[in-house]
Amino acid sequence: MCCLVTALAFLGPRAAIIFWWLFDPGRWDKAFDTWLWPVLGFVFLPFTTLMYVAVGLGGLRGFDWVWMAFAVLIDVAMYTGGGYGNRDRSPWGTTATTS
């Protein structure tokens, strides 16, 4: 678990997925029935994929849904935060007109 936290902090969630899968592939096999969902999670929702492997082995119950919602919010923030922060670089992002 220490390697997961270190990889997540320094390299990002996709590196953490790779390291965790390499060090504990059995947990990933228990969490997912097919290879398709982890690959899609790796590409589109990496924090949600990590959280599901961490809390969703026996199914999501109770407070697990809060953790999953938090992970989805982090993934959405990753995609929207970059666009909001760089809105001035795009000709379509600014609404001010020059006179």
Protein backbone atom coordinates (compact mmCIF):
# COMPACT_ATOMS: atom_id res chain seq x y z
CA MET A 1 0.00 0.00 0.00
CA CYS A 2 2.93 2.32 0.61
CA CYS A 3 4.06 1.95 -3.01
CA LEU A 4 0.58 2.88 -4.18
CA VAL A 5 0.52 6.08 -2.16
CA THR A 6 4.01 7.05 -3.27
CA ALA A 7 3.27 6.39 -6.94
CA LEU A 8 0.02 8.32 -6.68
CA ALA A 9 1.73 11.30 -5.08
CA PHE A 10 4.68 11.54 -7.44
CA LEU A 11 3.63 10.01 -10.75
CA GLY A 12 -0.14 10.28 -10.85
CA PRO A 13 -3.05 7.87 -10.76
CA ARG A 14 -2.21 5.98 -13.95
CA ALA A 15 1.23 5.07 -12.65
CA ALA A 16 -0.37 3.99 -9.37
CA ILE A 17 -2.72 1.71 -11.33
CA ILE A 18 0.20 0.10 -13.14
CA PHE A 19 2.26 -0.38 -9.97
CA TRP A 20 -0.66 -1.73 -7.96
CA TRP A 21 -1.60 -4.12 -10.75
CA LEU A 22 2.01 -5.36 -10.99
CA PHE A 23 2.37 -5.89 -7.24
CA ASP A 24 -1.12 -7.26 -6.49
CA PRO A 25 -2.78 -8.63 -9.64
CA GLY A 26 -5.04 -10.91 -7.60
CA ARG A 27 -6.90 -7.95 -6.13
CA TRP A 28 -7.56 -6.62 -9.63
CA ASP A 29 -8.82 -10.02 -10.75
CA LYS A 30 -11.25 -10.05 -7.82
CA ALA A 31 -12.44 -6.51 -8.50
CA PHE A 32 -13.06 -6.90 -12.24
CA ASP A 33 -14.43 -9.80 -14.24
CA THR A 34 -12.95 -8.69 -17.55
CA TRP A 35 -9.97 -6.65 -18.72
CA LEU A 36 -12.19 -4.05 -20.45
CA TRP A 37 -13.27 -2.10 -17.35
CA PRO A 38 -9.79 -1.59 -15.90
CA VAL A 39 -8.49 -0.44 -19.30
CA LEU A 40 -11.35 2.03 -19.74
CA GLY A 41 -10.83 3.20 -16.17
CA PHE A 42 -7.12 3.64 -16.81
CA VAL A 43 -7.85 5.87 -19.80
CA PHE A 44 -10.89 7.87 -18.66
CA LEU A 45 -11.41 7.62 -14.87
CA PRO A 46 -8.15 6.63 -13.14
CA PHE A 47 -9.02 7.83 -9.62
CA THR A 48 -12.40 6.09 -9.76
CA THR A 49 -10.71 2.87 -10.89
CA LEU A 50 -8.22 3.03 -8.02
CA MET A 51 -10.99 3.71 -5.52
CA TYR A 52 -13.10 0.83 -6.81
CA VAL A 53 -10.19 -1.58 -6.40
CA ALA A 54 -9.57 -0.21 -2.90
CA VAL A 55 -13.15 -0.36 -1.57
CA GLY A 56 -15.30 -2.34 -3.99
CA LEU A 57 -14.12 -5.93 -3.73
CA GLY A 58 -17.22 -7.28 -2.00
CA GLY A 59 -19.54 -4.83 -3.72
CA LEU A 60 -20.23 -1.25 -2.78
CA ARG A 61 -22.09 -0.84 0.50
CA GLY A 62 -22.74 2.07 2.80
CA PHE A 63 -19.90 4.56 3.03
CA ASP A 64 -18.16 3.01 -0.01
CA TRP A 65 -20.50 5.04 -2.21
CA VAL A 66 -19.19 8.25 -0.63
CA TRP A 67 -15.62 7.24 -1.49
CA MET A 68 -16.65 6.43 -5.06
CA ALA A 69 -18.45 9.76 -5.45
CA PHE A 70 -15.35 11.53 -4.15
CA ALA A 71 -13.17 9.71 -6.71
CA VAL A 72 -15.56 10.61 -9.55
CA LEU A 73 -15.43 14.26 -8.47
CA ILE A 74 -11.63 14.17 -8.55
CA ASP A 75 -11.68 12.69 -12.06
CA VAL A 76 -14.15 15.31 -13.27
CA ALA A 77 -12.04 18.05 -11.67
CA MET A 78 -8.97 16.76 -13.51
CA TYR A 79 -10.70 17.23 -16.85
CA THR A 80 -12.50 20.51 -16.14
CA GLY A 81 -9.79 22.19 -14.09
CA GLY A 82 -7.30 22.28 -16.96
CA GLY A 83 -9.82 23.78 -19.33
CA TYR A 84 -10.89 26.42 -16.83
CA GLY A 85 -7.30 27.33 -15.97
CA ASN A 86 -6.33 27.72 -19.64
CA ARG A 87 -9.48 29.46 -20.83
CA ASP A 88 -7.60 32.68 -21.64
CA ARG A 89 -5.32 30.88 -24.10
CA SER A 90 -8.18 29.84 -26.33
CA PRO A 91 -9.88 32.28 -28.70
CA TRP A 92 -13.23 30.72 -27.72
CA GLY A 93 -12.65 30.90 -23.97
CA THR A 94 -12.78 34.65 -23.52
CA THR A 95 -15.97 36.63 -23.76
CA ALA A 96 -14.40 40.07 -23.70
CA THR A 97 -14.34 41.95 -26.96
CA THR A 98 -11.63 44.30 -28.09
CA SER A 99 -12.58 47.79 -29.14
